[in-house]
Amino acid sequence: MARRFRGSFHQKVDSKGRVSIPASFRRVVETGDPDWTDGLRPNLVIVYGLDDQNWLDCYTVNAIEDIEERIDQMQPGSDDREALELLFHGLAQDMQIDEDGRIVLPQKLRDKIGLDGDEKALFIALGDRFQIWREDTFEATKTAATRAYLADQGPRFNPLTKLPSRPSSP
C-alpha cells in the first residue's frame, strides 16, 4: 500500500509565494512519483478547481494518474467525463518541489484561496492527498461542518462505525 498523508501543518508563505512542503508530506510525494530518485526534484499536481473552491487539492503523480485512468474509462463526450476532465486536467497545475523542499504557489492560486502577503497556509492531510487552505477559511467551513456532523451523531458516537466491513477472507 502506498504511503499516506497524515497530520496538519501551518507553513509560512512568503511574498514570492514560496512555501515549504512539510517533510512528512515530501516523503509521500517522493514515493508517489515514479520518476523520482534521490537527487531529483519530486513532482506533484495541484487541482485548484472552479471559482467557488477555496482550497487547493494536492496529489502525488501516482494518485492523479489513477484518477486520470479512471476518467479515461468513462464514456467519451459524456457530461460526467467532461466535468472531470475540466477539473482534473484543465484546472490543475503540475508542480515540482525544489531542493529546499518548497514549491512556489503562483499568484493566481494564492489569490484563489485568499493568501495575502506573508502569512501561513494550513496544510491538512486527507490520506491520498493533502489540501492547502487559508486557516480561517478552513475553520469556518470544514471544521464547523465536521463539528456539526459529529454533534448530529450523538454523544457516544464512534466514527469507526461508519467504516465499511472488511471483505471475508477465503
C-alpha atoms as a PDB file:
ATOM      1  CA  MET A   1       0.000   0.000   0.000  1.00  0.00           C
ATOM      2  CA  ALA A   2       1.244   3.483  -0.817  1.00  0.00           C
ATOM      3  CA  ARG A   3       2.245   5.825   1.948  1.00  0.00           C
ATOM      4  CA  ARG A   4      -0.468   8.197   3.135  1.00  0.00           C
ATOM      5  CA  PHE A   5      -0.504  11.849   4.062  1.00  0.00           C
ATOM      6  CA  ARG A   6      -1.141  12.403   7.782  1.00  0.00           C
ATOM      7  CA  GLY A   7      -1.252  15.444  10.029  1.00  0.00           C
ATOM      8  CA  SER A   8      -1.747  19.166   9.713  1.00  0.00           C
ATOM      9  CA  PHE A   9       0.854  21.893   9.491  1.00  0.00           C
ATOM     10  CA  HIS A  10       0.983  25.676   9.359  1.00  0.00           C
ATOM     11  CA  GLN A  11       3.521  26.810   6.797  1.00  0.00           C
ATOM     12  CA  LYS A  12       4.628  30.387   6.105  1.00  0.00           C
ATOM     13  CA  VAL A  13       4.064  31.647   2.563  1.00  0.00           C
ATOM     14  CA  ASP A  14       6.476  34.415   1.613  1.00  0.00           C
ATOM     15  CA  SER A  15       5.736  37.380  -0.643  1.00  0.00           C
ATOM     16  CA  LYS A  16       7.022  35.434  -3.681  1.00  0.00           C
ATOM     17  CA  GLY A  17       4.639  32.544  -2.967  1.00  0.00           C
ATOM     18  CA  ARG A  18       7.315  30.152  -1.747  1.00  0.00           C
ATOM     19  CA  VAL A  19       6.079  27.681   0.845  1.00  0.00           C
ATOM     20  CA  SER A  20       7.762  24.630   2.364  1.00  0.00           C
ATOM     21  CA  ILE A  21       6.017  21.327   1.934  1.00  0.00           C
ATOM     22  CA  PRO A  22       6.006  19.566   5.339  1.00  0.00           C
ATOM     23  CA  ALA A  23       8.814  16.998   5.463  1.00  0.00           C
ATOM     24  CA  SER A  24       6.475  14.045   6.063  1.00  0.00           C
ATOM     25  CA  PHE A  25       4.373  15.138   3.063  1.00  0.00           C
ATOM     26  CA  ARG A  26       7.508  15.349   0.899  1.00  0.00           C
ATOM     27  CA  ARG A  27       8.290  11.690   1.660  1.00  0.00           C
ATOM     28  CA  VAL A  28       4.829  10.689   0.411  1.00  0.00           C
ATOM     29  CA  VAL A  29       5.198  12.864  -2.709  1.00  0.00           C
ATOM     30  CA  GLU A  30       8.580  11.233  -3.410  1.00  0.00           C
ATOM     31  CA  THR A  31       7.234   7.685  -3.091  1.00  0.00           C
ATOM     32  CA  GLY A  32       4.231   8.665  -5.245  1.00  0.00           C
ATOM     33  CA  ASP A  33       6.388   9.967  -8.109  1.00  0.00           C
ATOM     34  CA  PRO A  34       7.529   7.048 -10.306  1.00  0.00           C
ATOM     35  CA  ASP A  35      10.258   9.202 -11.906  1.00  0.00           C
ATOM     36  CA  TRP A  36      11.761  10.390  -8.631  1.00  0.00           C
ATOM     37  CA  THR A  37      15.114   9.148  -7.403  1.00  0.00           C
ATOM     38  CA  ASP A  38      17.406  10.609  -4.777  1.00  0.00           C
ATOM     39  CA  GLY A  39      18.819  13.898  -6.042  1.00  0.00           C
ATOM     40  CA  LEU A  40      15.863  14.678  -8.320  1.00  0.00           C
ATOM     41  CA  ARG A  41      13.012  17.038  -7.553  1.00  0.00           C
ATOM     42  CA  PRO A  42       9.719  15.237  -6.837  1.00  0.00           C
ATOM     43  CA  ASN A  43       6.580  16.203  -8.735  1.00  0.00           C
ATOM     44  CA  LEU A  44       3.003  16.668  -7.609  1.00  0.00           C
ATOM     45  CA  VAL A  45      -0.208  18.026  -9.102  1.00  0.00           C
ATOM     46  CA  ILE A  46      -2.353  20.780  -7.630  1.00  0.00           C
ATOM     47  CA  VAL A  47      -6.020  20.737  -8.603  1.00  0.00           C
ATOM     48  CA  TYR A  48      -7.421  24.185  -7.932  1.00  0.00           C
ATOM     49  CA  GLY A  49     -10.945  23.778  -9.270  1.00  0.00           C
ATOM     50  CA  LEU A  50     -13.652  26.266 -10.114  1.00  0.00           C
ATOM     51  CA  ASP A  51     -14.060  29.743  -8.626  1.00  0.00           C
ATOM     52  CA  ASP A  52     -16.062  28.557  -5.614  1.00  0.00           C
ATOM     53  CA  GLN A  53     -13.355  26.095  -4.482  1.00  0.00           C
ATOM     54  CA  ASN A  54     -11.381  27.961  -1.815  1.00  0.00           C
ATOM     55  CA  TRP A  55      -8.688  25.346  -1.207  1.00  0.00           C
ATOM     56  CA  LEU A  56      -6.062  23.510  -3.257  1.00  0.00           C
ATOM     57  CA  ASP A  57      -6.088  19.707  -3.630  1.00  0.00           C
ATOM     58  CA  CYS A  58      -2.568  18.287  -3.946  1.00  0.00           C
ATOM     59  CA  TYR A  59      -1.974  14.818  -5.400  1.00  0.00           C
ATOM     60  CA  THR A  60       1.040  12.627  -5.958  1.00  0.00           C
ATOM     61  CA  VAL A  61       1.787  11.703  -9.565  1.00  0.00           C
ATOM     62  CA  ASN A  62       0.581   8.121  -8.939  1.00  0.00           C
ATOM     63  CA  ALA A  63      -2.675   9.324  -7.346  1.00  0.00           C
ATOM     64  CA  ILE A  64      -3.511  11.727 -10.172  1.00  0.00           C
ATOM     65  CA  GLU A  65      -2.635   9.081 -12.779  1.00  0.00           C
ATOM     66  CA  ASP A  66      -5.069   6.686 -11.084  1.00  0.00           C
ATOM     67  CA  ILE A  67      -7.805   9.320 -11.351  1.00  0.00           C
ATOM     68  CA  GLU A  68      -6.903  10.028 -14.981  1.00  0.00           C
ATOM     69  CA  GLU A  69      -7.030   6.328 -15.880  1.00  0.00           C
ATOM     70  CA  ARG A  70     -10.493   6.094 -14.357  1.00  0.00           C
ATOM     71  CA  ILE A  71     -11.620   9.197 -16.277  1.00  0.00           C
ATOM     72  CA  ASP A  72     -10.310   7.580 -19.489  1.00  0.00           C
ATOM     73  CA  GLN A  73     -12.651   4.627 -18.853  1.00  0.00           C
ATOM     74  CA  MET A  74     -15.705   6.898 -18.903  1.00  0.00           C
ATOM     75  CA  GLN A  75     -17.865   7.440 -21.984  1.00  0.00           C
ATOM     76  CA  PRO A  76     -16.116   9.972 -24.255  1.00  0.00           C
ATOM     77  CA  GLY A  77     -18.184  13.137 -24.636  1.00  0.00           C
ATOM     78  CA  SER A  78     -20.385  12.415 -21.606  1.00  0.00           C
ATOM     79  CA  ASP A  79     -21.176  15.315 -19.280  1.00  0.00           C
ATOM     80  CA  ASP A  80     -19.626  13.421 -16.358  1.00  0.00           C
ATOM     81  CA  ARG A  81     -16.358  12.784 -18.201  1.00  0.00           C
ATOM     82  CA  GLU A  82     -16.119  16.337 -19.489  1.00  0.00           C
ATOM     83  CA  ALA A  83     -16.668  17.755 -15.999  1.00  0.00           C
ATOM     84  CA  LEU A  84     -13.949  15.530 -14.540  1.00  0.00           C
ATOM     85  CA  GLU A  85     -11.588  16.299 -17.434  1.00  0.00           C
ATOM     86  CA  LEU A  86     -12.058  20.005 -16.794  1.00  0.00           C
ATOM     87  CA  LEU A  87     -11.476  19.638 -13.053  1.00  0.00           C
ATOM     88  CA  PHE A  88      -8.510  17.255 -13.173  1.00  0.00           C
ATOM     89  CA  HIS A  89      -6.828  18.416 -16.390  1.00  0.00           C
ATOM     90  CA  GLY A  90      -7.881  21.974 -17.179  1.00  0.00           C
ATOM     91  CA  LEU A  91      -7.982  23.307 -13.613  1.00  0.00           C
ATOM     92  CA  ALA A  92      -4.800  21.661 -12.422  1.00  0.00           C
ATOM     93  CA  GLN A  93      -1.148  22.577 -12.367  1.00  0.00           C
ATOM     94  CA  ASP A  94       1.996  20.464 -12.297  1.00  0.00           C
ATOM     95  CA  MET A  95       4.404  21.423  -9.521  1.00  0.00           C
ATOM     96  CA  GLN A  96       7.914  20.436  -8.593  1.00  0.00           C
ATOM     97  CA  ILE A  97       9.370  20.582  -5.097  1.00  0.00           C
ATOM     98  CA  ASP A  98      12.696  22.425  -5.122  1.00  0.00           C
ATOM     99  CA  GLU A  99      15.920  21.348  -3.420  1.00  0.00           C
ATOM    100  CA  ASP A 100      14.873  23.262  -0.279  1.00  0.00           C
ATOM    101  CA  GLY A 101      11.557  21.371  -0.020  1.00  0.00           C
ATOM    102  CA  ARG A 102       9.452  24.259  -1.312  1.00  0.00           C
ATOM    103  CA  ILE A 103       7.020  24.971  -4.091  1.00  0.00           C
ATOM    104  CA  VAL A 104       6.101  28.356  -5.482  1.00  0.00           C
ATOM    105  CA  LEU A 105       2.360  28.976  -5.374  1.00  0.00           C
ATOM    106  CA  PRO A 106       1.569  31.216  -8.338  1.00  0.00           C
ATOM    107  CA  GLN A 107      -0.242  34.477  -7.524  1.00  0.00           C
ATOM    108  CA  LYS A 108      -3.372  33.108  -9.213  1.00  0.00           C
ATOM    109  CA  LEU A 109      -3.538  30.226  -6.716  1.00  0.00           C
ATOM    110  CA  ARG A 110      -2.715  32.420  -3.727  1.00  0.00           C
ATOM    111  CA  ASP A 111      -5.473  34.830  -4.752  1.00  0.00           C
ATOM    112  CA  LYS A 112      -7.893  31.936  -5.237  1.00  0.00           C
ATOM    113  CA  ILE A 113      -7.580  30.793  -1.621  1.00  0.00           C
ATOM    114  CA  GLY A 114      -7.078  34.276  -0.184  1.00  0.00           C
ATOM    115  CA  LEU A 115      -3.437  34.128   0.878  1.00  0.00           C
ATOM    116  CA  ASP A 116      -2.171  37.709   1.087  1.00  0.00           C
ATOM    117  CA  GLY A 117       1.451  38.665   1.569  1.00  0.00           C
ATOM    118  CA  ASP A 118       3.438  36.960   4.299  1.00  0.00           C
ATOM    119  CA  GLU A 119       1.072  34.627   6.125  1.00  0.00           C
ATOM    120  CA  LYS A 120       0.662  30.965   6.966  1.00  0.00           C
ATOM    121  CA  ALA A 121      -1.181  28.366   4.966  1.00  0.00           C
ATOM    122  CA  LEU A 122      -2.784  25.322   6.539  1.00  0.00           C
ATOM    123  CA  PHE A 123      -1.652  22.003   5.068  1.00  0.00           C
ATOM    124  CA  ILE A 124      -4.155  19.297   6.010  1.00  0.00           C
ATOM    125  CA  ALA A 125      -3.690  15.604   5.217  1.00  0.00           C
ATOM    126  CA  LEU A 126      -6.505  13.553   3.703  1.00  0.00           C
ATOM    127  CA  GLY A 127      -4.806  10.198   3.244  1.00  0.00           C
ATOM    128  CA  ASP A 128      -4.384  10.002  -0.524  1.00  0.00           C
ATOM    129  CA  ARG A 129      -3.966  13.773  -0.947  1.00  0.00           C
ATOM    130  CA  PHE A 130      -3.467  16.920   1.042  1.00  0.00           C
ATOM    131  CA  GLN A 131      -5.111  20.286   0.865  1.00  0.00           C
ATOM    132  CA  ILE A 132      -3.806  23.816   1.261  1.00  0.00           C
ATOM    133  CA  TRP A 133      -6.170  26.301   2.899  1.00  0.00           C
ATOM    134  CA  ARG A 134      -6.217  29.726   4.395  1.00  0.00           C
ATOM    135  CA  GLU A 135      -6.614  28.779   8.067  1.00  0.00           C
ATOM    136  CA  ASP A 136      -9.655  30.912   8.885  1.00  0.00           C
ATOM    137  CA  THR A 137     -11.483  29.618   5.796  1.00  0.00           C
ATOM    138  CA  PHE A 138     -10.809  26.029   6.862  1.00  0.00           C
ATOM    139  CA  GLU A 139     -12.063  26.708  10.402  1.00  0.00           C
ATOM    140  CA  ALA A 140     -15.223  28.417   9.138  1.00  0.00           C
ATOM    141  CA  THR A 141     -16.103  25.677   6.664  1.00  0.00           C
ATOM    142  CA  LYS A 142     -14.557  22.242   7.198  1.00  0.00           C
ATOM    143  CA  THR A 143     -14.039  22.357  10.951  1.00  0.00           C
ATOM    144  CA  ALA A 144     -17.509  23.805  11.535  1.00  0.00           C
ATOM    145  CA  ALA A 145     -19.127  21.226   9.228  1.00  0.00           C
ATOM    146  CA  THR A 146     -17.278  18.334  10.918  1.00  0.00           C
ATOM    147  CA  ARG A 147     -18.297  19.546  14.378  1.00  0.00           C
ATOM    148  CA  ALA A 148     -21.943  19.795  13.255  1.00  0.00           C
ATOM    149  CA  TYR A 149     -21.807  16.292  11.725  1.00  0.00           C
ATOM    150  CA  LEU A 150     -20.333  14.788  14.902  1.00  0.00           C
ATOM    151  CA  ALA A 151     -22.867  16.595  17.091  1.00  0.00           C
ATOM    152  CA  ASP A 152     -25.705  15.193  14.962  1.00  0.00           C
ATOM    153  CA  GLN A 153     -24.418  11.660  15.569  1.00  0.00           C
ATOM    154  CA  GLY A 154     -24.941  11.848  19.326  1.00  0.00           C
ATOM    155  CA  PRO A 155     -22.672  11.980  22.361  1.00  0.00           C
ATOM    156  CA  ARG A 156     -21.476   8.334  22.288  1.00  0.00           C
ATOM    157  CA  PHE A 157     -20.841   8.215  18.540  1.00  0.00           C
ATOM    158  CA  ASN A 158     -17.744   6.319  17.410  1.00  0.00           C
ATOM    159  CA  PRO A 159     -16.645   7.400  13.889  1.00  0.00           C
ATOM    160  CA  LEU A 160     -15.174   3.938  13.241  1.00  0.00           C
ATOM    161  CA  THR A 161     -18.731   2.580  12.974  1.00  0.00           C
ATOM    162  CA  LYS A 162     -19.000   4.348   9.595  1.00  0.00           C
ATOM    163  CA  LEU A 163     -16.230   2.239   8.062  1.00  0.00           C
ATOM    164  CA  PRO A 164     -17.372  -0.497   5.692  1.00  0.00           C
ATOM    165  CA  SER A 165     -16.823  -4.058   6.842  1.00  0.00           C
ATOM    166  CA  ARG A 166     -13.755  -5.849   5.575  1.00  0.00           C
ATOM    167  CA  PRO A 167     -14.448  -8.487   2.944  1.00  0.00           C
ATOM    168  CA  SER A 168     -14.348 -12.031   4.270  1.00  0.00           C
ATOM    169  CA  SER A 169     -11.150 -13.932   3.607  1.00  0.00           C
ATOM    170  CA  PRO A 170     -11.486 -17.210   1.654  1.00  0.00           C
END
